[in-house]
Amino acid sequence: MPSPRLATRAVIVHDHRLLLVNAYADAASTLWCAPGGGVVAGQSLPENLMREVHEETGLQIRVGAPCLVNEFHSPETGFHQVEVFFRCTLISGMLSDTWQDPEDIVTRRRWITRDGMAGLRFKPDSLADVAFNRGMGYDPLEIIVPP
């Protein structure tokens, strides 16, 4: 069985709104998540996160303290990912519909209020609480949610 994949994700709350991106490249997917992605060996977790956020959104961020650990897996394929979420601060940039993710995965980006999250499908389940209540969280191993 392969080792779990390590990923980093950014919890960016700006003007009382959390930044979310589409979780799957499939345009029909309604699932949202925090920006970020897989760790590249030889780079620190914050360096990886700054790179991933810029690739997916065009934004420049400052990476702060960890605030959430999430892990999920797919029993059918054996895929297992552990994600470390960090509190981040927006340094510069604005969201644009014309921004192109080099990996063509993230095609939608949005800022959303806590109340607005009630009407969205997002993962992990504790993301809103961690983002807006400023706590620390851990979401235990869960099965991957389909697009």
Protein backbone atom coordinates (compact mmCIF):
# COMPACT_ATOMS: atom_id res chain seq x y z
CA MET A 1 0.00 0.00 0.00
CA PRO A 2 1.42 3.44 -0.91
CA SER A 3 2.21 6.03 1.75
CA PRO A 4 -0.36 8.77 2.36
CA ARG A 5 0.01 11.88 0.21
CA LEU A 6 0.79 15.07 2.17
CA ALA A 7 -0.94 18.31 1.21
CA THR A 8 -1.23 21.84 2.57
CA ARG A 9 -4.30 24.09 2.52
CA ALA A 10 -4.84 27.78 3.28
CA VAL A 11 -7.50 29.16 5.59
CA ILE A 12 -7.73 32.75 4.38
CA VAL A 13 -10.42 34.92 5.96
CA HIS A 14 -10.50 38.44 4.52
CA ASP A 15 -13.26 40.97 5.24
CA HIS A 16 -15.18 38.27 7.15
CA ARG A 17 -15.18 35.96 4.11
CA LEU A 18 -13.35 32.67 3.57
CA LEU A 19 -11.62 31.87 0.26
CA LEU A 20 -12.82 28.63 -1.34
CA VAL A 21 -11.98 26.94 -4.64
CA ASN A 22 -13.61 24.11 -6.56
CA ALA A 23 -12.51 20.74 -5.20
CA TYR A 24 -12.63 18.82 -8.50
CA ALA A 25 -11.72 19.86 -12.04
CA ASP A 26 -15.10 18.56 -13.22
CA ALA A 27 -17.21 21.70 -13.80
CA ALA A 28 -20.33 19.81 -12.71
CA SER A 29 -18.89 19.29 -9.21
CA THR A 30 -20.52 21.31 -6.44
CA LEU A 31 -17.84 20.51 -3.84
CA TRP A 32 -15.65 23.35 -2.51
CA CYS A 33 -12.45 23.34 -0.43
CA ALA A 34 -9.68 25.64 0.77
CA PRO A 35 -6.93 26.36 -1.78
CA GLY A 36 -3.75 24.32 -1.64
CA GLY A 37 -2.34 21.04 -2.82
CA GLY A 38 0.33 18.39 -2.72
CA VAL A 39 3.68 18.95 -1.08
CA VAL A 40 6.82 18.92 -3.22
CA ALA A 41 9.84 17.32 -1.55
CA GLY A 42 12.58 19.76 -0.63
CA GLN A 43 10.23 22.68 0.09
CA SER A 44 8.82 23.61 3.47
CA LEU A 45 5.08 23.28 4.06
CA PRO A 46 4.66 27.11 4.01
CA GLU A 47 6.66 27.38 0.76
CA ASN A 48 4.48 24.71 -0.81
CA LEU A 49 1.34 26.46 0.34
CA MET A 50 2.38 29.89 -0.96
CA ARG A 51 3.14 28.31 -4.36
CA GLU A 52 -0.12 26.35 -4.52
CA VAL A 53 -2.28 29.33 -3.51
CA HIS A 54 -0.61 31.52 -6.12
CA GLU A 55 -1.01 28.86 -8.84
CA GLU A 56 -4.69 28.35 -8.04
CA THR A 57 -5.76 31.93 -7.33
CA GLY A 58 -3.06 34.42 -8.33
CA LEU A 59 -2.95 35.69 -4.72
CA GLN A 60 0.13 36.27 -2.58
CA ILE A 61 -0.22 35.14 1.03
CA ARG A 62 1.65 35.05 4.33
CA VAL A 63 1.46 31.65 6.02
CA GLY A 64 0.74 31.55 9.75
CA ALA A 65 0.18 28.78 12.27
CA PRO A 66 -1.41 25.39 11.56
CA CYS A 67 -5.11 25.27 12.47
CA LEU A 68 -6.54 21.99 11.16
CA VAL A 69 -5.44 18.49 10.18
CA ASN A 70 -7.71 16.53 7.86
CA GLU A 71 -7.32 13.11 6.31
CA PHE A 72 -9.37 11.23 3.78
CA HIS A 73 -9.11 8.09 1.70
CA SER A 74 -10.69 6.14 -1.11
CA PRO A 75 -11.24 2.48 -0.15
CA GLU A 76 -11.59 1.57 -3.85
CA THR A 77 -8.20 2.94 -4.95
CA GLY A 78 -6.24 3.03 -1.68
CA PHE A 79 -5.60 6.79 -2.11
CA HIS A 80 -5.03 8.40 1.30
CA GLN A 81 -4.27 12.11 1.84
CA VAL A 82 -3.31 13.99 4.98
CA GLU A 83 -3.83 17.76 4.79
CA VAL A 84 -2.33 20.38 7.09
CA PHE A 85 -4.33 23.63 7.06
CA PHE A 86 -2.61 26.91 7.96
CA ARG A 87 -4.10 30.28 8.88
CA CYS A 88 -2.99 32.66 6.16
CA THR A 89 -3.14 36.38 5.48
CA LEU A 90 -3.76 37.95 2.09
CA ILE A 91 -0.75 40.07 1.10
CA SER A 92 -1.72 41.11 -2.44
CA GLY A 93 -3.84 40.29 -5.45
CA MET A 94 -7.49 40.04 -6.39
CA LEU A 95 -9.54 37.09 -7.60
CA SER A 96 -10.10 37.03 -11.35
CA ASP A 97 -12.20 34.76 -13.53
CA THR A 98 -9.42 34.93 -16.11
CA TRP A 99 -6.71 33.52 -13.81
CA GLN A 100 -5.43 30.20 -15.18
CA ASP A 101 -4.35 27.42 -12.81
CA PRO A 102 -1.34 25.77 -14.56
CA GLU A 103 -2.71 22.34 -13.61
CA ASP A 104 -6.24 23.20 -14.87
CA ILE A 105 -7.83 21.88 -11.69
CA VAL A 106 -9.04 25.09 -10.04
CA THR A 107 -11.38 26.96 -12.35
CA ARG A 108 -13.66 28.64 -9.79
CA ARG A 109 -12.75 30.76 -6.79
CA ARG A 110 -14.95 32.65 -4.36
CA TRP A 111 -15.02 34.53 -1.08
CA ILE A 112 -17.89 33.41 1.14
CA THR A 113 -19.33 34.41 4.48
CA ARG A 114 -19.99 32.01 7.32
CA ASP A 115 -23.73 32.21 6.62
CA GLY A 116 -23.13 31.56 2.92
CA MET A 117 -21.31 28.33 3.71
CA ALA A 118 -24.55 26.85 5.05
CA GLY A 119 -25.76 26.47 1.46
CA LEU A 120 -22.56 24.93 0.06
CA ARG A 121 -21.06 21.45 -0.11
CA PHE A 122 -17.53 21.76 1.27
CA LYS A 123 -14.87 19.60 2.87
CA PRO A 124 -13.62 19.09 5.48
CA ASP A 125 -16.70 19.30 7.65
CA SER A 126 -15.00 21.43 10.33
CA LEU A 127 -13.64 24.05 7.88
CA ALA A 128 -16.22 26.77 8.67
CA ASP A 129 -15.84 26.35 12.43
CA VAL A 130 -12.05 26.48 12.26
CA ALA A 131 -12.04 29.45 9.87
CA PHE A 132 -14.57 31.64 11.63
CA ASN A 133 -14.24 30.54 15.26
CA ARG A 134 -10.44 30.57 15.18
CA GLY A 135 -10.11 27.16 16.85
CA MET A 136 -7.86 24.22 16.09
CA GLY A 137 -9.36 21.12 14.53
CA TYR A 138 -8.80 17.55 13.46
CA ASP A 139 -11.09 15.71 11.06
CA PRO A 140 -10.42 11.97 11.34
CA LEU A 141 -10.12 9.69 8.36
CA GLU A 142 -13.16 10.01 6.10
CA ILE A 143 -14.08 8.51 2.75
CA ILE A 144 -13.55 10.79 -0.25
CA VAL A 145 -16.69 12.65 -1.27
CA PRO A 146 -17.63 12.26 -4.95
CA PRO A 147 -17.79 15.31 -7.22
